[in-house]
Amino acid sequence: MLTRHRAVASSIRLTRREEEIAALVAQGTNKQIAAKLVVSERTAENYVLNILNKLGFNGRTEIASWATHRALTRCGTM
């Protein structure tokens, strides 16, 4: 199922800020993301929700996996 999600998600473009948030999802909570980016916790939460909706994912774990896979693919590791 995750492979199908990755195939669909790979054709969807996130904004630079959404990509930045997606990369941070694996590292912490919305509160931690907000503190790191100097935005409100609600703003971080909205970004995460927008990413979930755009990519058709159900949870943060899928975002984290997708972001990790993208980062490794861009580096030529995968």
N, C-alpha and C. Protein backbone atom coordinates (compact mmCIF):
# COMPACT_ATOMS: atom_id res chain seq x y z
N MET A 1 0.82 -1.19 0.00
CA MET A 1 0.00 0.00 0.00
C MET A 1 0.86 1.26 0.00
N LEU A 2 1.93 1.27 0.80
CA LEU A 2 2.80 2.44 0.86
C LEU A 2 3.46 2.70 -0.49
N THR A 3 3.79 1.64 -1.23
CA THR A 3 4.39 1.81 -2.55
C THR A 3 3.43 2.54 -3.47
N ARG A 4 2.15 2.18 -3.42
CA ARG A 4 1.15 2.86 -4.24
C ARG A 4 1.08 4.33 -3.85
N HIS A 5 1.10 4.59 -2.55
CA HIS A 5 1.07 5.97 -2.08
C HIS A 5 2.28 6.75 -2.60
N ARG A 6 3.44 6.12 -2.56
CA ARG A 6 4.64 6.79 -3.04
C ARG A 6 4.54 7.10 -4.52
N ALA A 7 3.96 6.20 -5.30
CA ALA A 7 3.82 6.43 -6.73
C ALA A 7 2.91 7.62 -6.99
N VAL A 8 1.80 7.68 -6.28
CA VAL A 8 0.88 8.81 -6.43
C VAL A 8 1.53 10.07 -5.89
N ALA A 9 2.13 10.00 -4.73
CA ALA A 9 2.72 11.16 -4.08
C ALA A 9 3.90 11.72 -4.86
N SER A 10 4.60 10.88 -5.61
CA SER A 10 5.76 11.36 -6.34
C SER A 10 5.38 12.33 -7.45
N SER A 11 4.13 12.29 -7.90
CA SER A 11 3.70 13.19 -8.96
C SER A 11 3.10 14.48 -8.40
N ILE A 12 2.98 14.59 -7.09
CA ILE A 12 2.40 15.77 -6.47
C ILE A 12 3.51 16.68 -5.98
N ARG A 13 3.35 17.96 -6.24
CA ARG A 13 4.37 18.93 -5.85
C ARG A 13 3.97 19.63 -4.56
N LEU A 14 4.89 19.63 -3.62
CA LEU A 14 4.71 20.40 -2.40
C LEU A 14 5.48 21.71 -2.55
N THR A 15 5.06 22.73 -1.81
CA THR A 15 5.83 23.97 -1.78
C THR A 15 7.14 23.71 -1.04
N ARG A 16 8.07 24.61 -1.15
CA ARG A 16 9.34 24.46 -0.43
C ARG A 16 9.11 24.36 1.08
N ARG A 17 8.20 25.17 1.57
CA ARG A 17 7.92 25.16 3.00
C ARG A 17 7.29 23.83 3.42
N GLU A 18 6.38 23.31 2.60
CA GLU A 18 5.76 22.02 2.89
C GLU A 18 6.81 20.91 2.87
N GLU A 19 7.74 20.97 1.94
CA GLU A 19 8.82 19.97 1.90
C GLU A 19 9.68 20.07 3.17
N GLU A 20 9.94 21.29 3.60
CA GLU A 20 10.71 21.50 4.83
C GLU A 20 9.98 20.91 6.03
N ILE A 21 8.68 21.17 6.11
CA ILE A 21 7.86 20.63 7.20
C ILE A 21 7.84 19.10 7.13
N ALA A 22 7.66 18.55 5.94
CA ALA A 22 7.62 17.09 5.77
C ALA A 22 8.91 16.46 6.27
N ALA A 23 10.03 17.08 5.99
CA ALA A 23 11.31 16.55 6.45
C ALA A 23 11.41 16.59 7.98
N LEU A 24 10.78 17.59 8.59
CA LEU A 24 10.85 17.74 10.04
C LEU A 24 9.86 16.84 10.78
N VAL A 25 8.85 16.34 10.10
CA VAL A 25 7.83 15.51 10.74
C VAL A 25 8.46 14.30 11.42
N ALA A 26 9.44 13.71 10.80
CA ALA A 26 10.09 12.52 11.37
C ALA A 26 10.92 12.86 12.61
N GLN A 27 11.21 14.12 12.78
CA GLN A 27 12.10 14.52 13.87
C GLN A 27 11.39 15.02 15.11
N GLY A 28 10.09 15.28 14.99
CA GLY A 28 9.44 15.79 16.19
C GLY A 28 7.97 16.11 16.02
N THR A 29 7.42 16.68 17.06
CA THR A 29 6.02 17.03 17.13
C THR A 29 5.76 18.37 16.42
N ASN A 30 4.49 18.69 16.26
CA ASN A 30 4.14 19.99 15.68
C ASN A 30 4.71 21.12 16.53
N LYS A 31 4.70 20.94 17.84
CA LYS A 31 5.24 21.96 18.74
C LYS A 31 6.73 22.16 18.49
N GLN A 32 7.47 21.08 18.32
CA GLN A 32 8.90 21.16 18.05
C GLN A 32 9.17 21.77 16.68
N ILE A 33 8.36 21.39 15.70
CA ILE A 33 8.50 21.96 14.35
C ILE A 33 8.25 23.47 14.41
N ALA A 34 7.20 23.87 15.11
CA ALA A 34 6.86 25.29 15.25
C ALA A 34 8.00 26.07 15.88
N ALA A 35 8.58 25.52 16.93
CA ALA A 35 9.69 26.21 17.60
C ALA A 35 10.89 26.35 16.67
N LYS A 36 11.18 25.31 15.93
CA LYS A 36 12.33 25.35 15.02
C LYS A 36 12.15 26.37 13.91
N LEU A 37 10.93 26.48 13.40
CA LEU A 37 10.65 27.37 12.27
C LEU A 37 10.11 28.74 12.69
N VAL A 38 9.98 28.94 13.99
CA VAL A 38 9.47 30.19 14.57
C VAL A 38 8.10 30.55 13.97
N VAL A 39 7.19 29.60 14.08
CA VAL A 39 5.80 29.80 13.69
C VAL A 39 4.94 29.26 14.85
N SER A 40 3.66 29.53 14.79
CA SER A 40 2.79 29.00 15.84
C SER A 40 2.60 27.49 15.66
N GLU A 41 2.24 26.84 16.75
CA GLU A 41 1.98 25.41 16.69
C GLU A 41 0.82 25.12 15.73
N ARG A 42 -0.17 25.99 15.74
CA ARG A 42 -1.33 25.83 14.83
C ARG A 42 -0.90 25.93 13.37
N THR A 43 0.03 26.81 13.05
CA THR A 43 0.53 26.92 11.68
C THR A 43 1.24 25.64 11.27
N ALA A 44 2.06 25.10 12.16
CA ALA A 44 2.75 23.83 11.87
C ALA A 44 1.73 22.73 11.66
N GLU A 45 0.71 22.69 12.51
CA GLU A 45 -0.35 21.68 12.38
C GLU A 45 -1.07 21.81 11.03
N ASN A 46 -1.36 23.04 10.63
CA ASN A 46 -2.02 23.25 9.33
C ASN A 46 -1.16 22.77 8.17
N TYR A 47 0.14 23.04 8.24
CA TYR A 47 1.03 22.55 7.19
C TYR A 47 0.99 21.03 7.12
N VAL A 48 1.06 20.38 8.28
CA VAL A 48 1.04 18.91 8.30
C VAL A 48 -0.27 18.39 7.70
N LEU A 49 -1.38 19.00 8.08
CA LEU A 49 -2.67 18.59 7.53
C LEU A 49 -2.74 18.79 6.02
N ASN A 50 -2.20 19.91 5.54
CA ASN A 50 -2.17 20.17 4.09
C ASN A 50 -1.33 19.12 3.37
N ILE A 51 -0.21 18.76 3.96
CA ILE A 51 0.66 17.74 3.36
C ILE A 51 -0.07 16.40 3.31
N LEU A 52 -0.71 16.03 4.42
CA LEU A 52 -1.48 14.78 4.45
C LEU A 52 -2.53 14.76 3.34
N ASN A 53 -3.25 15.86 3.21
CA ASN A 53 -4.30 15.94 2.18
C ASN A 53 -3.74 15.90 0.77
N LYS A 54 -2.69 16.66 0.52
CA LYS A 54 -2.09 16.70 -0.82
C LYS A 54 -1.58 15.33 -1.25
N LEU A 55 -0.92 14.65 -0.32
CA LEU A 55 -0.30 13.37 -0.65
C LEU A 55 -1.24 12.19 -0.48
N GLY A 56 -2.40 12.42 0.10
CA GLY A 56 -3.37 11.35 0.30
C GLY A 56 -2.94 10.37 1.38
N PHE A 57 -2.18 10.86 2.35
CA PHE A 57 -1.70 10.02 3.43
C PHE A 57 -2.64 10.10 4.62
N ASN A 58 -2.53 9.11 5.51
CA ASN A 58 -3.40 9.03 6.68
C ASN A 58 -2.72 9.47 7.97
N GLY A 59 -1.40 9.57 7.97
CA GLY A 59 -0.73 9.91 9.22
C GLY A 59 0.70 10.40 9.02
N ARG A 60 1.25 10.87 10.11
CA ARG A 60 2.60 11.44 10.10
C ARG A 60 3.67 10.42 9.69
N THR A 61 3.44 9.16 10.05
CA THR A 61 4.41 8.13 9.71
C THR A 61 4.59 8.02 8.20
N GLU A 62 3.51 8.14 7.47
CA GLU A 62 3.59 8.08 6.01
C GLU A 62 4.35 9.29 5.46
N ILE A 63 4.12 10.46 6.06
CA ILE A 63 4.87 11.65 5.63
C ILE A 63 6.36 11.44 5.89
N ALA A 64 6.69 10.96 7.08
CA ALA A 64 8.10 10.75 7.44
C ALA A 64 8.76 9.75 6.50
N SER A 65 8.07 8.67 6.20
CA SER A 65 8.62 7.66 5.28
C SER A 65 8.81 8.24 3.89
N TRP A 66 7.82 8.96 3.42
CA TRP A 66 7.88 9.59 2.09
C TRP A 66 9.04 10.58 2.01
N ALA A 67 9.16 11.43 3.04
CA ALA A 67 10.22 12.44 3.05
C ALA A 67 11.60 11.79 3.10
N THR A 68 11.74 10.74 3.88
CA THR A 68 13.01 10.01 3.97
C THR A 68 13.35 9.38 2.63
N HIS A 69 12.39 8.75 2.02
CA HIS A 69 12.61 8.12 0.72
C HIS A 69 13.02 9.16 -0.32
N ARG A 70 12.34 10.29 -0.32
CA ARG A 70 12.66 11.37 -1.28
C ARG A 70 14.08 11.89 -1.07
N ALA A 71 14.45 12.08 0.19
CA ALA A 71 15.78 12.59 0.49
C ALA A 71 16.85 11.61 0.03
N LEU A 72 16.64 10.32 0.27
CA LEU A 72 17.61 9.31 -0.15
C LEU A 72 17.65 9.22 -1.67
N THR A 73 16.50 9.31 -2.31
CA THR A 73 16.46 9.24 -3.77
C THR A 73 17.18 10.42 -4.39
N ARG A 74 16.98 11.61 -3.83
CA ARG A 74 17.64 12.81 -4.36
C ARG A 74 19.15 12.73 -4.21
N CYS A 75 19.60 12.08 -3.14
CA CYS A 75 21.04 11.94 -2.90
C CYS A 75 21.65 10.82 -3.74
N GLY A 76 20.81 10.07 -4.43
CA GLY A 76 21.30 8.98 -5.23
C GLY A 76 21.55 7.70 -4.44
N THR A 77 21.08 7.67 -3.20
CA THR A 77 21.28 6.50 -2.35
C THR A 77 20.34 5.37 -2.72
N MET A 78 19.15 5.70 -3.20
CA MET A 78 18.19 4.67 -3.55
C MET A 78 17.95 4.67 -5.05
